[in-house]
Amino acid sequence: MAKTKLQDSAQTASTTLGAETCLSGTLRFSDSLRIRGKFDGEIDATGQLFIDPEAVVTARMIRATSVVVGGTVRGDIEAADRIEMGASAKVYGNVKTAKLRIADGVIFEGACEMIRDPSAYSPFAEKGNA
């Protein structure tokens, strides 16, 4: 069921980086983005991010409202609302979020920090202001 939920929610993304796409740099978006290929850089978004099972993301930092991981992520993730790791996810980095769901079979190597008061936290604020 978790895999179906991951696939269903990923289909609602307004923009998709296809399986053959290799992109590097800084991604900024405000709606939703689905990554099926490879990305290297930084993601700073106020929308939802979906990382498909075949995707590989290497990022210094991923900031988004919510992040659903089905593929491989190397780097830290901050999400104001939630982070969901599907059964095929491999996450090598620290996570910070208000809600966290980790499915059976996930590989997660890193630390987890839970946000106690999500309404007072913004991953988009300058360091020291959050």
Protein backbone atom coordinates (compact mmCIF):
# COMPACT_ATOMS: atom_id res chain seq x y z
CA MET A 1 0.00 0.00 0.00
CA ALA A 2 2.82 2.45 0.79
CA LYS A 3 4.26 1.95 -2.70
CA THR A 4 0.89 2.71 -4.29
CA LYS A 5 0.53 5.86 -2.18
CA LEU A 6 4.02 6.94 -3.25
CA GLN A 7 3.21 6.37 -6.93
CA ASP A 8 -0.22 8.02 -6.70
CA SER A 9 1.08 11.16 -4.99
CA ALA A 10 4.02 11.39 -7.40
CA GLN A 11 1.63 11.41 -10.36
CA THR A 12 0.10 14.66 -9.09
CA ALA A 13 3.35 16.62 -9.53
CA SER A 14 3.00 19.63 -11.82
CA THR A 15 6.54 19.24 -13.24
CA THR A 16 8.56 16.09 -13.90
CA LEU A 17 12.27 15.68 -14.56
CA GLY A 18 12.25 12.53 -16.72
CA ALA A 19 14.23 9.34 -16.23
CA GLU A 20 16.80 10.36 -18.87
CA THR A 21 17.34 13.79 -17.28
CA CYS A 22 20.63 14.68 -15.57
CA LEU A 23 20.51 18.13 -14.01
CA SER A 24 22.85 20.02 -11.71
CA GLY A 25 22.51 23.37 -9.98
CA THR A 26 19.88 24.89 -7.73
CA LEU A 27 16.20 23.98 -8.09
CA ARG A 28 13.57 26.41 -6.84
CA PHE A 29 9.85 25.83 -7.25
CA SER A 30 6.61 26.60 -5.43
CA ASP A 31 4.18 23.94 -6.65
CA SER A 32 5.35 20.32 -6.97
CA LEU A 33 8.21 18.53 -8.69
CA ARG A 34 8.82 14.88 -9.48
CA ILE A 35 12.39 13.67 -10.10
CA ARG A 36 12.78 10.45 -12.09
CA GLY A 37 16.37 10.98 -13.28
CA LYS A 38 19.54 12.35 -11.67
CA PHE A 39 20.01 15.64 -9.87
CA ASP A 40 23.11 17.12 -8.24
CA GLY A 41 23.07 20.43 -6.37
CA GLU A 42 20.62 22.09 -3.99
CA ILE A 43 16.82 22.12 -3.78
CA ASP A 44 15.12 25.08 -2.13
CA ALA A 45 11.36 24.83 -2.66
CA THR A 46 8.13 25.87 -0.99
CA GLY A 47 6.26 23.03 -2.71
CA GLN A 48 6.18 19.24 -2.64
CA LEU A 49 9.07 17.12 -3.88
CA PHE A 50 8.68 13.54 -5.11
CA ILE A 51 11.79 11.42 -5.73
CA ASP A 52 10.88 8.30 -7.71
CA PRO A 53 12.41 4.84 -7.06
CA GLU A 54 14.80 5.08 -10.04
CA ALA A 55 15.97 8.63 -9.18
CA VAL A 56 19.36 9.53 -7.70
CA VAL A 57 19.64 12.89 -5.92
CA THR A 58 22.90 14.23 -4.52
CA ALA A 59 22.29 17.51 -2.73
CA ARG A 60 24.02 19.62 -0.14
CA MET A 61 20.55 20.44 1.17
CA ILE A 62 16.97 19.71 0.21
CA ARG A 63 14.37 22.11 1.63
CA ALA A 64 10.69 21.70 0.77
CA THR A 65 7.26 21.69 2.37
CA SER A 66 7.09 17.91 2.01
CA VAL A 67 9.41 15.30 0.53
CA VAL A 68 8.43 11.80 -0.61
CA VAL A 69 11.49 9.62 -1.28
CA GLY A 70 11.37 6.42 -3.28
CA GLY A 71 14.89 6.56 -4.74
CA THR A 72 18.38 7.39 -3.51
CA VAL A 73 19.19 10.66 -1.74
CA ARG A 74 22.65 11.67 -0.59
CA GLY A 75 22.34 14.85 1.46
CA ASP A 76 20.33 16.48 4.22
CA ILE A 77 16.56 16.97 3.97
CA GLU A 78 14.46 19.59 5.78
CA ALA A 79 10.68 19.58 5.35
CA ALA A 80 8.29 21.92 7.15
CA ASP A 81 5.42 19.40 6.97
CA ARG A 82 6.61 15.83 6.40
CA ILE A 83 9.16 13.41 4.99
CA GLU A 84 8.02 10.03 3.71
CA MET A 85 10.49 7.27 2.79
CA GLY A 86 9.00 4.51 0.66
CA ALA A 87 10.17 0.88 0.77
CA SER A 88 12.71 1.42 -2.04
CA ALA A 89 14.23 4.59 -0.50
CA LYS A 90 17.90 4.96 0.36
CA VAL A 91 18.66 8.12 2.35
CA TYR A 92 22.22 8.98 3.34
CA GLY A 93 21.94 12.21 5.30
CA ASN A 94 20.22 13.94 8.19
CA VAL A 95 16.50 14.73 8.19
CA LYS A 96 14.52 17.43 9.99
CA THR A 97 10.72 17.50 9.86
CA ALA A 98 7.46 17.65 11.80
CA LYS A 99 6.20 14.24 10.57
CA LEU A 100 8.27 11.26 9.45
CA ARG A 101 7.14 8.00 7.86
CA ILE A 102 9.68 5.26 7.16
CA ALA A 103 8.50 2.09 5.40
CA ASP A 104 9.94 -1.38 5.96
CA GLY A 105 13.03 -1.99 3.85
CA VAL A 106 14.30 1.61 3.82
CA ILE A 107 18.03 2.25 4.10
CA PHE A 108 18.49 5.36 6.26
CA GLU A 109 21.92 6.44 7.46
CA GLY A 110 21.78 9.73 9.31
CA ALA A 111 20.28 11.59 12.23
CA CYS A 112 16.67 12.62 12.64
CA GLU A 113 15.44 15.82 14.28
CA MET A 114 11.72 16.25 14.86
CA ILE A 115 10.19 19.72 14.76
CA ARG A 116 8.11 20.23 17.90
CA ASP A 117 6.16 23.30 16.76
CA PRO A 118 5.72 23.18 12.96
CA SER A 119 3.85 26.51 12.89
CA ALA A 120 6.89 28.28 14.34
CA TYR A 121 9.43 26.58 12.06
CA SER A 122 10.41 27.54 8.53
CA PRO A 123 13.19 25.67 6.73
CA PHE A 124 13.35 28.65 4.37
CA ALA A 125 14.34 31.17 7.08
CA GLU A 126 17.94 32.24 7.40
CA LYS A 127 20.00 30.19 9.85
CA GLY A 128 19.59 31.48 13.39
CA ASN A 129 16.07 32.82 12.71
CA ALA A 130 14.23 29.47 12.85
